[in-house]
Amino acid sequence: MKPIKLFFAKIRRMYFNWRINREIFHKIGPHLRNDGDYGYPFRSEDEFMAAYIRGGLDARFKSDMIERVIRDMPEFQGNALRYIIYRDLNERMKMYIELAAESANPESAVGRLMAKHA
């Protein structure tokens, strides 16, 4: 990868990490402790768990919906769209995995997995 691309990739990752950690520690945490209302649809740990479980189910549903809609597209266009969608999703998921691995116990499976692929 060219140095300029590496530079922008690093800046993008740093901003991503900052944004996610800021939301975790300065919004979700205080919201759950009732130190402020940040507009989240939960007020308790149980509601929080239900919200992230629902979010996971919604993501699965939307993925299935994309596939159903793409089936009605011309084959080349549908395949090209699939490629773009999964490329983008995989790039974003990689950033989440790396952020989680940085916060995880180095002895954890995720930490070992990330060390292997580094």
PDB file of N, CA and C in Angstrom:
ATOM      1  N   MET A   1       0.849  -1.171   0.000  1.00  0.00           N
ATOM      2  CA  MET A   1       0.000   0.000   0.000  1.00  0.00           C
ATOM      3  C   MET A   1       0.898   1.237   0.000  1.00  0.00           C
ATOM      4  N   LYS A   2       0.499   2.249  -0.739  1.00  0.00           N
ATOM      5  CA  LYS A   2       1.277   3.479  -0.834  1.00  0.00           C
ATOM      6  C   LYS A   2       1.236   4.226   0.495  1.00  0.00           C
ATOM      7  N   PRO A   3       2.322   4.971   0.794  1.00  0.00           N
ATOM      8  CA  PRO A   3       2.383   5.692   2.076  1.00  0.00           C
ATOM      9  C   PRO A   3       1.194   6.618   2.316  1.00  0.00           C
ATOM     10  N   ILE A   4       0.726   7.302   1.281  1.00  0.00           N
ATOM     11  CA  ILE A   4      -0.407   8.221   1.480  1.00  0.00           C
ATOM     12  C   ILE A   4      -1.675   7.446   1.835  1.00  0.00           C
ATOM     13  N   LYS A   5      -1.872   6.273   1.207  1.00  0.00           N
ATOM     14  CA  LYS A   5      -3.035   5.452   1.538  1.00  0.00           C
ATOM     15  C   LYS A   5      -2.928   4.929   2.963  1.00  0.00           C
ATOM     16  N   LEU A   6      -1.719   4.528   3.359  1.00  0.00           N
ATOM     17  CA  LEU A   6      -1.506   4.056   4.734  1.00  0.00           C
ATOM     18  C   LEU A   6      -1.816   5.165   5.735  1.00  0.00           C
ATOM     19  N   PHE A   7      -1.368   6.391   5.408  1.00  0.00           N
ATOM     20  CA  PHE A   7      -1.605   7.531   6.281  1.00  0.00           C
ATOM     21  C   PHE A   7      -3.103   7.749   6.482  1.00  0.00           C
ATOM     22  N   PHE A   8      -3.859   7.786   5.387  1.00  0.00           N
ATOM     23  CA  PHE A   8      -5.305   8.022   5.494  1.00  0.00           C
ATOM     24  C   PHE A   8      -6.018   6.847   6.149  1.00  0.00           C
ATOM     25  N   ALA A   9      -5.562   5.632   5.908  1.00  0.00           N
ATOM     26  CA  ALA A   9      -6.158   4.464   6.567  1.00  0.00           C
ATOM     27  C   ALA A   9      -5.946   4.552   8.076  1.00  0.00           C
ATOM     28  N   LYS A  10      -4.750   4.993   8.480  1.00  0.00           N
ATOM     29  CA  LYS A  10      -4.457   5.130   9.913  1.00  0.00           C
ATOM     30  C   LYS A  10      -5.324   6.219  10.544  1.00  0.00           C
ATOM     31  N   ILE A  11      -5.473   7.334   9.854  1.00  0.00           N
ATOM     32  CA  ILE A  11      -6.313   8.424  10.361  1.00  0.00           C
ATOM     33  C   ILE A  11      -7.762   7.958  10.470  1.00  0.00           C
ATOM     34  N   ARG A  12      -8.240   7.250   9.446  1.00  0.00           N
ATOM     35  CA  ARG A  12      -9.615   6.743   9.460  1.00  0.00           C
ATOM     36  C   ARG A  12      -9.827   5.802  10.641  1.00  0.00           C
ATOM     37  N   ARG A  13      -8.869   4.909  10.882  1.00  0.00           N
ATOM     38  CA  ARG A  13      -8.982   3.955  11.992  1.00  0.00           C
ATOM     39  C   ARG A  13      -8.938   4.667  13.341  1.00  0.00           C
ATOM     40  N   MET A  14      -8.055   5.651  13.475  1.00  0.00           N
ATOM     41  CA  MET A  14      -7.966   6.396  14.737  1.00  0.00           C
ATOM     42  C   MET A  14      -9.285   7.127  15.015  1.00  0.00           C
ATOM     43  N   TYR A  15      -9.854   7.744  13.982  1.00  0.00           N
ATOM     44  CA  TYR A  15     -11.127   8.445  14.159  1.00  0.00           C
ATOM     45  C   TYR A  15     -12.227   7.461  14.518  1.00  0.00           C
ATOM     46  N   PHE A  16     -12.268   6.322  13.846  1.00  0.00           N
ATOM     47  CA  PHE A  16     -13.249   5.278  14.140  1.00  0.00           C
ATOM     48  C   PHE A  16     -13.138   4.857  15.608  1.00  0.00           C
ATOM     49  N   ASN A  17     -11.921   4.528  16.052  1.00  0.00           N
ATOM     50  CA  ASN A  17     -11.713   4.099  17.436  1.00  0.00           C
ATOM     51  C   ASN A  17     -12.144   5.187  18.419  1.00  0.00           C
ATOM     52  N   TRP A  18     -11.758   6.424  18.141  1.00  0.00           N
ATOM     53  CA  TRP A  18     -12.121   7.534  19.020  1.00  0.00           C
ATOM     54  C   TRP A  18     -13.635   7.670  19.114  1.00  0.00           C
ATOM     55  N   ARG A  19     -14.314   7.625  17.964  1.00  0.00           N
ATOM     56  CA  ARG A  19     -15.762   7.804  17.925  1.00  0.00           C
ATOM     57  C   ARG A  19     -16.489   6.699  18.689  1.00  0.00           C
ATOM     58  N   ILE A  20     -16.071   5.451  18.487  1.00  0.00           N
ATOM     59  CA  ILE A  20     -16.729   4.329  19.159  1.00  0.00           C
ATOM     60  C   ILE A  20     -16.457   4.383  20.662  1.00  0.00           C
ATOM     61  N   ASN A  21     -15.199   4.587  21.051  1.00  0.00           N
ATOM     62  CA  ASN A  21     -14.879   4.659  22.480  1.00  0.00           C
ATOM     63  C   ASN A  21     -15.572   5.834  23.151  1.00  0.00           C
ATOM     64  N   ARG A  22     -15.697   6.955  22.468  1.00  0.00           N
ATOM     65  CA  ARG A  22     -16.391   8.104  23.037  1.00  0.00           C
ATOM     66  C   ARG A  22     -17.855   7.744  23.307  1.00  0.00           C
ATOM     67  N   GLU A  23     -18.487   7.074  22.355  1.00  0.00           N
ATOM     68  CA  GLU A  23     -19.885   6.697  22.564  1.00  0.00           C
ATOM     69  C   GLU A  23     -20.024   5.711  23.724  1.00  0.00           C
ATOM     70  N   ILE A  24     -19.111   4.738  23.793  1.00  0.00           N
ATOM     71  CA  ILE A  24     -19.171   3.741  24.863  1.00  0.00           C
ATOM     72  C   ILE A  24     -19.026   4.391  26.235  1.00  0.00           C
ATOM     73  N   PHE A  25     -17.951   5.182  26.394  1.00  0.00           N
ATOM     74  CA  PHE A  25     -17.603   5.678  27.722  1.00  0.00           C
ATOM     75  C   PHE A  25     -18.250   7.008  28.100  1.00  0.00           C
ATOM     76  N   HIS A  26     -18.639   7.814  27.111  1.00  0.00           N
ATOM     77  CA  HIS A  26     -19.185   9.136  27.420  1.00  0.00           C
ATOM     78  C   HIS A  26     -20.673   9.271  27.124  1.00  0.00           C
ATOM     79  N   LYS A  27     -21.266   8.242  26.542  1.00  0.00           N
ATOM     80  CA  LYS A  27     -22.698   8.314  26.285  1.00  0.00           C
ATOM     81  C   LYS A  27     -23.430   7.091  26.831  1.00  0.00           C
ATOM     82  N   ILE A  28     -23.080   5.899  26.344  1.00  0.00           N
ATOM     83  CA  ILE A  28     -23.802   4.702  26.795  1.00  0.00           C
ATOM     84  C   ILE A  28     -23.596   4.460  28.282  1.00  0.00           C
ATOM     85  N   GLY A  29     -22.350   4.534  28.742  1.00  0.00           N
ATOM     86  CA  GLY A  29     -22.079   4.333  30.173  1.00  0.00           C
ATOM     87  C   GLY A  29     -22.864   5.287  31.050  1.00  0.00           C
ATOM     88  N   PRO A  30     -22.730   6.612  30.841  1.00  0.00           N
ATOM     89  CA  PRO A  30     -23.503   7.541  31.659  1.00  0.00           C
ATOM     90  C   PRO A  30     -25.021   7.354  31.514  1.00  0.00           C
ATOM     91  N   HIS A  31     -25.465   7.006  30.321  1.00  0.00           N
ATOM     92  CA  HIS A  31     -26.902   6.785  30.107  1.00  0.00           C
ATOM     93  C   HIS A  31     -27.394   5.635  30.983  1.00  0.00           C
ATOM     94  N   LEU A  32     -26.637   4.530  31.019  1.00  0.00           N
ATOM     95  CA  LEU A  32     -27.042   3.376  31.836  1.00  0.00           C
ATOM     96  C   LEU A  32     -26.957   3.672  33.333  1.00  0.00           C
ATOM     97  N   ARG A  33     -26.051   4.564  33.726  1.00  0.00           N
ATOM     98  CA  ARG A  33     -25.930   4.926  35.148  1.00  0.00           C
ATOM     99  C   ARG A  33     -26.904   6.037  35.540  1.00  0.00           C
ATOM    100  N   ASN A  34     -27.744   6.455  34.577  1.00  0.00           N
ATOM    101  CA  ASN A  34     -28.685   7.565  34.793  1.00  0.00           C
ATOM    102  C   ASN A  34     -27.980   8.870  35.119  1.00  0.00           C
ATOM    103  N   ASP A  35     -26.769   9.047  34.570  1.00  0.00           N
ATOM    104  CA  ASP A  35     -26.037  10.307  34.730  1.00  0.00           C
ATOM    105  C   ASP A  35     -26.394  11.298  33.627  1.00  0.00           C
ATOM    106  N   GLY A  36     -27.229  10.901  32.713  1.00  0.00           N
ATOM    107  CA  GLY A  36     -27.660  11.767  31.624  1.00  0.00           C
ATOM    108  C   GLY A  36     -28.563  10.974  30.696  1.00  0.00           C
ATOM    109  N   ASP A  37     -29.300  11.715  29.879  1.00  0.00           N
ATOM    110  CA  ASP A  37     -30.168  11.064  28.896  1.00  0.00           C
ATOM    111  C   ASP A  37     -29.603  11.358  27.518  1.00  0.00           C
ATOM    112  N   TYR A  38     -29.055  10.334  26.892  1.00  0.00           N
ATOM    113  CA  TYR A  38     -28.445  10.497  25.579  1.00  0.00           C
ATOM    114  C   TYR A  38     -29.328   9.943  24.468  1.00  0.00           C
ATOM    115  N   GLY A  39     -30.596   9.727  24.773  1.00  0.00           N
ATOM    116  CA  GLY A  39     -31.573   9.356  23.767  1.00  0.00           C
ATOM    117  C   GLY A  39     -31.576   7.899  23.345  1.00  0.00           C
ATOM    118  N   TYR A  40     -30.887   7.053  24.084  1.00  0.00           N
ATOM    119  CA  TYR A  40     -30.886   5.634  23.733  1.00  0.00           C
ATOM    120  C   TYR A  40     -32.216   4.999  24.122  1.00  0.00           C
ATOM    121  N   PRO A  41     -32.633   3.943  23.407  1.00  0.00           N
ATOM    122  CA  PRO A  41     -33.936   3.324  23.680  1.00  0.00           C
ATOM    123  C   PRO A  41     -33.895   2.323  24.827  1.00  0.00           C
ATOM    124  N   PHE A  42     -33.013   2.513  25.782  1.00  0.00           N
ATOM    125  CA  PHE A  42     -32.923   1.613  26.934  1.00  0.00           C
ATOM    126  C   PHE A  42     -32.577   2.427  28.163  1.00  0.00           C
ATOM    127  N   ARG A  43     -32.981   1.920  29.322  1.00  0.00           N
ATOM    128  CA  ARG A  43     -32.679   2.572  30.601  1.00  0.00           C
ATOM    129  C   ARG A  43     -32.050   1.606  31.594  1.00  0.00           C
ATOM    130  N   SER A  44     -32.142   0.314  31.330  1.00  0.00           N
ATOM    131  CA  SER A  44     -31.614  -0.682  32.257  1.00  0.00           C
ATOM    132  C   SER A  44     -30.721  -1.656  31.490  1.00  0.00           C
ATOM    133  N   GLU A  45     -29.997  -2.460  32.232  1.00  0.00           N
ATOM    134  CA  GLU A  45     -29.141  -3.485  31.607  1.00  0.00           C
ATOM    135  C   GLU A  45     -29.971  -4.461  30.780  1.00  0.00           C
ATOM    136  N   ASP A  46     -31.133  -4.852  31.293  1.00  0.00           N
ATOM    137  CA  ASP A  46     -31.999  -5.784  30.554  1.00  0.00           C
ATOM    138  C   ASP A  46     -32.475  -5.171  29.244  1.00  0.00           C
ATOM    139  N   GLU A  47     -32.891  -3.901  29.284  1.00  0.00           N
ATOM    140  CA  GLU A  47     -33.323  -3.226  28.061  1.00  0.00           C
ATOM    141  C   GLU A  47     -32.149  -3.049  27.095  1.00  0.00           C
ATOM    142  N   PHE A  48     -30.962  -2.797  27.635  1.00  0.00           N
ATOM    143  CA  PHE A  48     -29.746  -2.658  26.832  1.00  0.00           C
ATOM    144  C   PHE A  48     -29.452  -3.962  26.100  1.00  0.00           C
ATOM    145  N   MET A  49     -29.499  -5.073  26.822  1.00  0.00           N
ATOM    146  CA  MET A  49     -29.256  -6.380  26.205  1.00  0.00           C
ATOM    147  C   MET A  49     -30.297  -6.680  25.133  1.00  0.00           C
ATOM    148  N   ALA A  50     -31.551  -6.376  25.416  1.00  0.00           N
ATOM    149  CA  ALA A  50     -32.607  -6.597  24.423  1.00  0.00           C
ATOM    150  C   ALA A  50     -32.355  -5.747  23.174  1.00  0.00           C
ATOM    151  N   ALA A  51     -31.873  -4.522  23.369  1.00  0.00           N
ATOM    152  CA  ALA A  51     -31.614  -3.631  22.236  1.00  0.00           C
ATOM    153  C   ALA A  51     -30.486  -4.156  21.357  1.00  0.00           C
ATOM    154  N   TYR A  52     -29.390  -4.662  21.963  1.00  0.00           N
ATOM    155  CA  TYR A  52     -28.319  -5.140  21.089  1.00  0.00           C
ATOM    156  C   TYR A  52     -28.648  -6.494  20.470  1.00  0.00           C
ATOM    157  N   ILE A  53     -29.448  -7.300  21.140  1.00  0.00           N
ATOM    158  CA  ILE A  53     -29.903  -8.554  20.520  1.00  0.00           C
ATOM    159  C   ILE A  53     -30.817  -8.236  19.334  1.00  0.00           C
ATOM    160  N   ARG A  54     -31.722  -7.302  19.531  1.00  0.00           N
ATOM    161  CA  ARG A  54     -32.613  -6.876  18.454  1.00  0.00           C
ATOM    162  C   ARG A  54     -31.799  -6.300  17.290  1.00  0.00           C
ATOM    163  N   GLY A  55     -30.753  -5.554  17.597  1.00  0.00           N
ATOM    164  CA  GLY A  55     -29.887  -5.003  16.555  1.00  0.00           C
ATOM    165  C   GLY A  55     -29.215  -6.092  15.737  1.00  0.00           C
ATOM    166  N   GLY A  56     -28.771  -7.149  16.399  1.00  0.00           N
ATOM    167  CA  GLY A  56     -28.167  -8.267  15.683  1.00  0.00           C
ATOM    168  C   GLY A  56     -29.167  -8.976  14.780  1.00  0.00           C
ATOM    169  N   LEU A  57     -30.370  -9.150  15.288  1.00  0.00           N
ATOM    170  CA  LEU A  57     -31.416  -9.788  14.479  1.00  0.00           C
ATOM    171  C   LEU A  57     -31.792  -8.905  13.286  1.00  0.00           C
ATOM    172  N   ASP A  58     -31.856  -7.589  13.510  1.00  0.00           N
ATOM    173  CA  ASP A  58     -32.160  -6.665  12.414  1.00  0.00           C
ATOM    174  C   ASP A  58     -31.081  -6.718  11.332  1.00  0.00           C
ATOM    175  N   ALA A  59     -29.819  -6.814  11.747  1.00  0.00           N
ATOM    176  CA  ALA A  59     -28.718  -6.887  10.779  1.00  0.00           C
ATOM    177  C   ALA A  59     -28.843  -8.154   9.932  1.00  0.00           C
ATOM    178  N   ARG A  60     -29.182  -9.259  10.567  1.00  0.00           N
ATOM    179  CA  ARG A  60     -29.358 -10.517   9.831  1.00  0.00           C
ATOM    180  C   ARG A  60     -30.529 -10.402   8.855  1.00  0.00           C
ATOM    181  N   PHE A  61     -31.629  -9.820   9.315  1.00  0.00           N
ATOM    182  CA  PHE A  61     -32.799  -9.636   8.467  1.00  0.00           C
ATOM    183  C   PHE A  61     -32.464  -8.767   7.255  1.00  0.00           C
ATOM    184  N   LYS A  62     -31.739  -7.676   7.483  1.00  0.00           N
ATOM    185  CA  LYS A  62     -31.388  -6.779   6.373  1.00  0.00           C
ATOM    186  C   LYS A  62     -30.449  -7.457   5.391  1.00  0.00           C
ATOM    187  N   SER A  63     -29.547  -8.278   5.888  1.00  0.00           N
ATOM    188  CA  SER A  63     -28.658  -9.032   4.998  1.00  0.00           C
ATOM    189  C   SER A  63     -29.469  -9.975   4.115  1.00  0.00           C
ATOM    190  N   ASP A  64     -30.425 -10.672   4.711  1.00  0.00           N
ATOM    191  CA  ASP A  64     -31.299 -11.559   3.937  1.00  0.00           C
ATOM    192  C   ASP A  64     -32.147 -10.764   2.943  1.00  0.00           C
ATOM    193  N   MET A  65     -32.601  -9.583   3.351  1.00  0.00           N
ATOM    194  CA  MET A  65     -33.411  -8.746   2.477  1.00  0.00           C
ATOM    195  C   MET A  65     -32.594  -8.285   1.259  1.00  0.00           C
ATOM    196  N   ILE A  66     -31.344  -7.909   1.481  1.00  0.00           N
ATOM    197  CA  ILE A  66     -30.477  -7.511   0.369  1.00  0.00           C
ATOM    198  C   ILE A  66     -30.397  -8.634  -0.653  1.00  0.00           C
ATOM    199  N   GLU A  67     -30.183  -9.856  -0.178  1.00  0.00           N
ATOM    200  CA  GLU A  67     -30.077 -10.998  -1.095  1.00  0.00           C
ATOM    201  C   GLU A  67     -31.371 -11.208  -1.878  1.00  0.00           C
ATOM    202  N   ARG A  68     -32.518 -11.063  -1.221  1.00  0.00           N
ATOM    203  CA  ARG A  68     -33.798 -11.238  -1.925  1.00  0.00           C
ATOM    204  C   ARG A  68     -33.984 -10.183  -3.008  1.00  0.00           C
ATOM    205  N   VAL A  69     -33.628  -8.948  -2.713  1.00  0.00           N
ATOM    206  CA  VAL A  69     -33.790  -7.865  -3.678  1.00  0.00           C
ATOM    207  C   VAL A  69     -32.801  -8.031  -4.838  1.00  0.00           C
ATOM    208  N   ILE A  70     -31.565  -8.420  -4.516  1.00  0.00           N
ATOM    209  CA  ILE A  70     -30.542  -8.585  -5.562  1.00  0.00           C
ATOM    210  C   ILE A  70     -30.931  -9.685  -6.546  1.00  0.00           C
ATOM    211  N   ARG A  71     -31.634 -10.702  -6.085  1.00  0.00           N
ATOM    212  CA  ARG A  71     -32.049 -11.785  -6.985  1.00  0.00           C
ATOM    213  C   ARG A  71     -32.887 -11.283  -8.158  1.00  0.00           C
ATOM    214  N   ASP A  72     -33.565 -10.154  -7.981  1.00  0.00           N
ATOM    215  CA  ASP A  72     -34.401  -9.592  -9.036  1.00  0.00           C
ATOM    216  C   ASP A  72     -33.640  -8.642  -9.964  1.00  0.00           C
ATOM    217  N   MET A  73     -32.372  -8.414  -9.679  1.00  0.00           N
ATOM    218  CA  MET A  73     -31.562  -7.526 -10.514  1.00  0.00           C
ATOM    219  C   MET A  73     -30.938  -8.321 -11.657  1.00  0.00           C
ATOM    220  N   PRO A  74     -30.493  -7.641 -12.702  1.00  0.00           N
ATOM    221  CA  PRO A  74     -29.705  -8.344 -13.723  1.00  0.00           C
ATOM    222  C   PRO A  74     -28.487  -8.995 -13.050  1.00  0.00           C
ATOM    223  N   GLU A  75     -28.107 -10.178 -13.509  1.00  0.00           N
ATOM    224  CA  GLU A  75     -27.084 -10.973 -12.821  1.00  0.00           C
ATOM    225  C   GLU A  75     -25.774 -10.219 -12.593  1.00  0.00           C
ATOM    226  N   PHE A  76     -25.231  -9.596 -13.639  1.00  0.00           N
ATOM    227  CA  PHE A  76     -23.958  -8.889 -13.480  1.00  0.00           C
ATOM    228  C   PHE A  76     -24.073  -7.761 -12.461  1.00  0.00           C
ATOM    229  N   GLN A  77     -25.131  -6.983 -12.561  1.00  0.00           N
ATOM    230  CA  GLN A  77     -25.323  -5.864 -11.636  1.00  0.00           C
ATOM    231  C   GLN A  77     -25.479  -6.366 -10.198  1.00  0.00           C
ATOM    232  N   GLY A  78     -26.254  -7.423 -10.004  1.00  0.00           N
ATOM    233  CA  GLY A  78     -26.442  -7.996  -8.679  1.00  0.00           C
ATOM    234  C   GLY A  78     -25.143  -8.522  -8.093  1.00  0.00           C
ATOM    235  N   ASN A  79     -24.362  -9.228  -8.917  1.00  0.00           N
ATOM    236  CA  ASN A  79     -23.080  -9.750  -8.441  1.00  0.00           C
ATOM    237  C   ASN A  79     -22.113  -8.622  -8.103  1.00  0.00           C
ATOM    238  N   ALA A  80     -22.112  -7.577  -8.925  1.00  0.00           N
ATOM    239  CA  ALA A  80     -21.241  -6.431  -8.646  1.00  0.00           C
ATOM    240  C   ALA A  80     -21.659  -5.748  -7.343  1.00  0.00           C
ATOM    241  N   LEU A  81     -22.968  -5.593  -7.151  1.00  0.00           N
ATOM    242  CA  LEU A  81     -23.453  -4.977  -5.915  1.00  0.00           C
ATOM    243  C   LEU A  81     -23.101  -5.835  -4.712  1.00  0.00           C
ATOM    244  N   ARG A  82     -23.251  -7.155  -4.830  1.00  0.00           N
ATOM    245  CA  ARG A  82     -22.853  -8.053  -3.735  1.00  0.00           C
ATOM    246  C   ARG A  82     -21.383  -7.844  -3.373  1.00  0.00           C
ATOM    247  N   TYR A  83     -20.533  -7.809  -4.393  1.00  0.00           N
ATOM    248  CA  TYR A  83     -19.098  -7.612  -4.157  1.00  0.00           C
ATOM    249  C   TYR A  83     -18.860  -6.320  -3.368  1.00  0.00           C
ATOM    250  N   ILE A  84     -19.476  -5.226  -3.812  1.00  0.00           N
ATOM    251  CA  ILE A  84     -19.280  -3.925  -3.154  1.00  0.00           C
ATOM    252  C   ILE A  84     -19.807  -3.961  -1.725  1.00  0.00           C
ATOM    253  N   ILE A  85     -21.000  -4.507  -1.534  1.00  0.00           N
ATOM    254  CA  ILE A  85     -21.597  -4.575  -0.196  1.00  0.00           C
ATOM    255  C   ILE A  85     -20.698  -5.357   0.755  1.00  0.00           C
ATOM    256  N   TYR A  86     -20.295  -6.559   0.351  1.00  0.00           N
ATOM    257  CA  TYR A  86     -19.512  -7.400   1.256  1.00  0.00           C
ATOM    258  C   TYR A  86     -18.110  -6.862   1.464  1.00  0.00           C
ATOM    259  N   ARG A  87     -17.543  -6.212   0.445  1.00  0.00           N
ATOM    260  CA  ARG A  87     -16.235  -5.571   0.632  1.00  0.00           C
ATOM    261  C   ARG A  87     -16.343  -4.489   1.699  1.00  0.00           C
ATOM    262  N   ASP A  88     -17.358  -3.624   1.578  1.00  0.00           N
ATOM    263  CA  ASP A  88     -17.542  -2.543   2.548  1.00  0.00           C
ATOM    264  C   ASP A  88     -17.828  -3.084   3.949  1.00  0.00           C
ATOM    265  N   LEU A  89     -18.723  -4.079   4.040  1.00  0.00           N
ATOM    266  CA  LEU A  89     -19.049  -4.645   5.353  1.00  0.00           C
ATOM    267  C   LEU A  89     -17.834  -5.305   5.991  1.00  0.00           C
ATOM    268  N   ASN A  90     -17.051  -6.022   5.200  1.00  0.00           N
ATOM    269  CA  ASN A  90     -15.860  -6.681   5.746  1.00  0.00           C
ATOM    270  C   ASN A  90     -14.822  -5.676   6.220  1.00  0.00           C
ATOM    271  N   GLU A  91     -14.660  -4.571   5.505  1.00  0.00           N
ATOM    272  CA  GLU A  91     -13.721  -3.535   5.957  1.00  0.00           C
ATOM    273  C   GLU A  91     -14.169  -2.960   7.298  1.00  0.00           C
ATOM    274  N   ARG A  92     -15.456  -2.684   7.421  1.00  0.00           N
ATOM    275  CA  ARG A  92     -15.975  -2.122   8.667  1.00  0.00           C
ATOM    276  C   ARG A  92     -15.896  -3.146   9.801  1.00  0.00           C
ATOM    277  N   MET A  93     -16.251  -4.402   9.520  1.00  0.00           N
ATOM    278  CA  MET A  93     -16.186  -5.442  10.548  1.00  0.00           C
ATOM    279  C   MET A  93     -14.741  -5.634  11.028  1.00  0.00           C
ATOM    280  N   LYS A  94     -13.782  -5.541  10.116  1.00  0.00           N
ATOM    281  CA  LYS A  94     -12.376  -5.665  10.513  1.00  0.00           C
ATOM    282  C   LYS A  94     -12.013  -4.575  11.519  1.00  0.00           C
ATOM    283  N   MET A  95     -12.514  -3.366  11.303  1.00  0.00           N
ATOM    284  CA  MET A  95     -12.230  -2.278  12.238  1.00  0.00           C
ATOM    285  C   MET A  95     -12.834  -2.569  13.611  1.00  0.00           C
ATOM    286  N   TYR A  96     -14.043  -3.118  13.631  1.00  0.00           N
ATOM    287  CA  TYR A  96     -14.656  -3.478  14.914  1.00  0.00           C
ATOM    288  C   TYR A  96     -13.877  -4.598  15.602  1.00  0.00           C
ATOM    289  N   ILE A  97     -13.441  -5.587  14.851  1.00  0.00           N
ATOM    290  CA  ILE A  97     -12.656  -6.686  15.432  1.00  0.00           C
ATOM    291  C   ILE A  97     -11.364  -6.158  16.029  1.00  0.00           C
ATOM    292  N   GLU A  98     -10.674  -5.285  15.301  1.00  0.00           N
ATOM    293  CA  GLU A  98      -9.413  -4.732  15.799  1.00  0.00           C
ATOM    294  C   GLU A  98      -9.631  -3.902  17.058  1.00  0.00           C
ATOM    295  N   LEU A  99     -10.690  -3.101  17.078  1.00  0.00           N
ATOM    296  CA  LEU A  99     -10.986  -2.296  18.270  1.00  0.00           C
ATOM    297  C   LEU A  99     -11.299  -3.199  19.460  1.00  0.00           C
ATOM    298  N   ALA A 100     -12.104  -4.223  19.232  1.00  0.00           N
ATOM    299  CA  ALA A 100     -12.443  -5.149  20.320  1.00  0.00           C
ATOM    300  C   ALA A 100     -11.191  -5.874  20.808  1.00  0.00           C
ATOM    301  N   ALA A 101     -10.320  -6.286  19.884  1.00  0.00           N
ATOM    302  CA  ALA A 101      -9.103  -6.999  20.266  1.00  0.00           C
ATOM    303  C   ALA A 101      -8.181  -6.113  21.097  1.00  0.00           C
ATOM    304  N   GLU A 102      -8.130  -4.821  20.781  1.00  0.00           N
ATOM    305  CA  GLU A 102      -7.303  -3.897  21.560  1.00  0.00           C
ATOM    306  C   GLU A 102      -7.795  -3.779  22.994  1.00  0.00           C
ATOM    307  N   SER A 103      -9.093  -3.902  23.182  1.00  0.00           N
ATOM    308  CA  SER A 103      -9.686  -3.771  24.514  1.00  0.00           C
ATOM    309  C   SER A 103      -9.771  -5.089  25.256  1.00  0.00           C
ATOM    310  N   ALA A 104      -9.613  -6.197  24.523  1.00  0.00           N
ATOM    311  CA  ALA A 104      -9.761  -7.524  25.116  1.00  0.00           C
ATOM    312  C   ALA A 104      -8.519  -7.904  25.912  1.00  0.00           C
ATOM    313  N   ASN A 105      -8.715  -8.835  26.779  1.00  0.00           N
ATOM    314  CA  ASN A 105      -7.609  -9.428  27.508  1.00  0.00           C
ATOM    315  C   ASN A 105      -6.687 -10.090  26.484  1.00  0.00           C
ATOM    316  N   PRO A 106      -5.384  -9.814  26.504  1.00  0.00           N
ATOM    317  CA  PRO A 106      -4.482 -10.406  25.509  1.00  0.00           C
ATOM    318  C   PRO A 106      -4.511 -11.933  25.504  1.00  0.00           C
ATOM    319  N   GLU A 107      -4.969 -12.528  26.585  1.00  0.00           N
ATOM    320  CA  GLU A 107      -5.047 -13.980  26.659  1.00  0.00           C
ATOM    321  C   GLU A 107      -6.311 -14.513  25.991  1.00  0.00           C
ATOM    322  N   SER A 108      -7.218 -13.604  25.611  1.00  0.00           N
ATOM    323  CA  SER A 108      -8.490 -14.047  25.044  1.00  0.00           C
ATOM    324  C   SER A 108      -8.305 -14.616  23.646  1.00  0.00           C
ATOM    325  N   ALA A 109      -9.298 -15.324  23.198  1.00  0.00           N
ATOM    326  CA  ALA A 109      -9.265 -15.925  21.861  1.00  0.00           C
ATOM    327  C   ALA A 109      -9.167 -14.847  20.787  1.00  0.00           C
ATOM    328  N   VAL A 110      -9.876 -13.738  20.960  1.00  0.00           N
ATOM    329  CA  VAL A 110      -9.825 -12.670  19.972  1.00  0.00           C
ATOM    330  C   VAL A 110      -8.422 -12.079  19.915  1.00  0.00           C
ATOM    331  N   GLY A 111      -7.819 -11.860  21.077  1.00  0.00           N
ATOM    332  CA  GLY A 111      -6.454 -11.328  21.114  1.00  0.00           C
ATOM    333  C   GLY A 111      -5.476 -12.254  20.405  1.00  0.00           C
ATOM    334  N   ARG A 112      -5.589 -13.538  20.647  1.00  0.00           N
ATOM    335  CA  ARG A 112      -4.698 -14.512  19.972  1.00  0.00           C
ATOM    336  C   ARG A 112      -4.970 -14.534  18.485  1.00  0.00           C
ATOM    337  N   LEU A 113      -6.241 -14.463  18.095  1.00  0.00           N
ATOM    338  CA  LEU A 113      -6.608 -14.474  16.683  1.00  0.00           C
ATOM    339  C   LEU A 113      -6.011 -13.269  15.968  1.00  0.00           C
ATOM    340  N   MET A 114      -6.144 -12.107  16.576  1.00  0.00           N
ATOM    341  CA  MET A 114      -5.628 -10.886  15.952  1.00  0.00           C
ATOM    342  C   MET A 114      -4.101 -10.936  15.889  1.00  0.00           C
ATOM    343  N   ALA A 115      -3.447 -11.473  16.894  1.00  0.00           N
ATOM    344  CA  ALA A 115      -1.986 -11.583  16.880  1.00  0.00           C
ATOM    345  C   ALA A 115      -1.529 -12.494  15.750  1.00  0.00           C
ATOM    346  N   LYS A 116      -2.263 -13.564  15.489  1.00  0.00           N
ATOM    347  CA  LYS A 116      -1.930 -14.479  14.412  1.00  0.00           C
ATOM    348  C   LYS A 116      -1.998 -13.817  13.052  1.00  0.00           C
ATOM    349  N   HIS A 117      -2.990 -12.950  12.872  1.00  0.00           N
ATOM    350  CA  HIS A 117      -3.234 -12.345  11.564  1.00  0.00           C
ATOM    351  C   HIS A 117      -2.571 -10.989  11.398  1.00  0.00           C
ATOM    352  N   ALA A 118      -1.808 -10.558  12.367  1.00  0.00           N
ATOM    353  CA  ALA A 118      -1.143  -9.255  12.288  1.00  0.00           C
ATOM    354  C   ALA A 118       0.053  -9.293  11.370  1.00  0.00           C
TER     355      ALA A 118
END
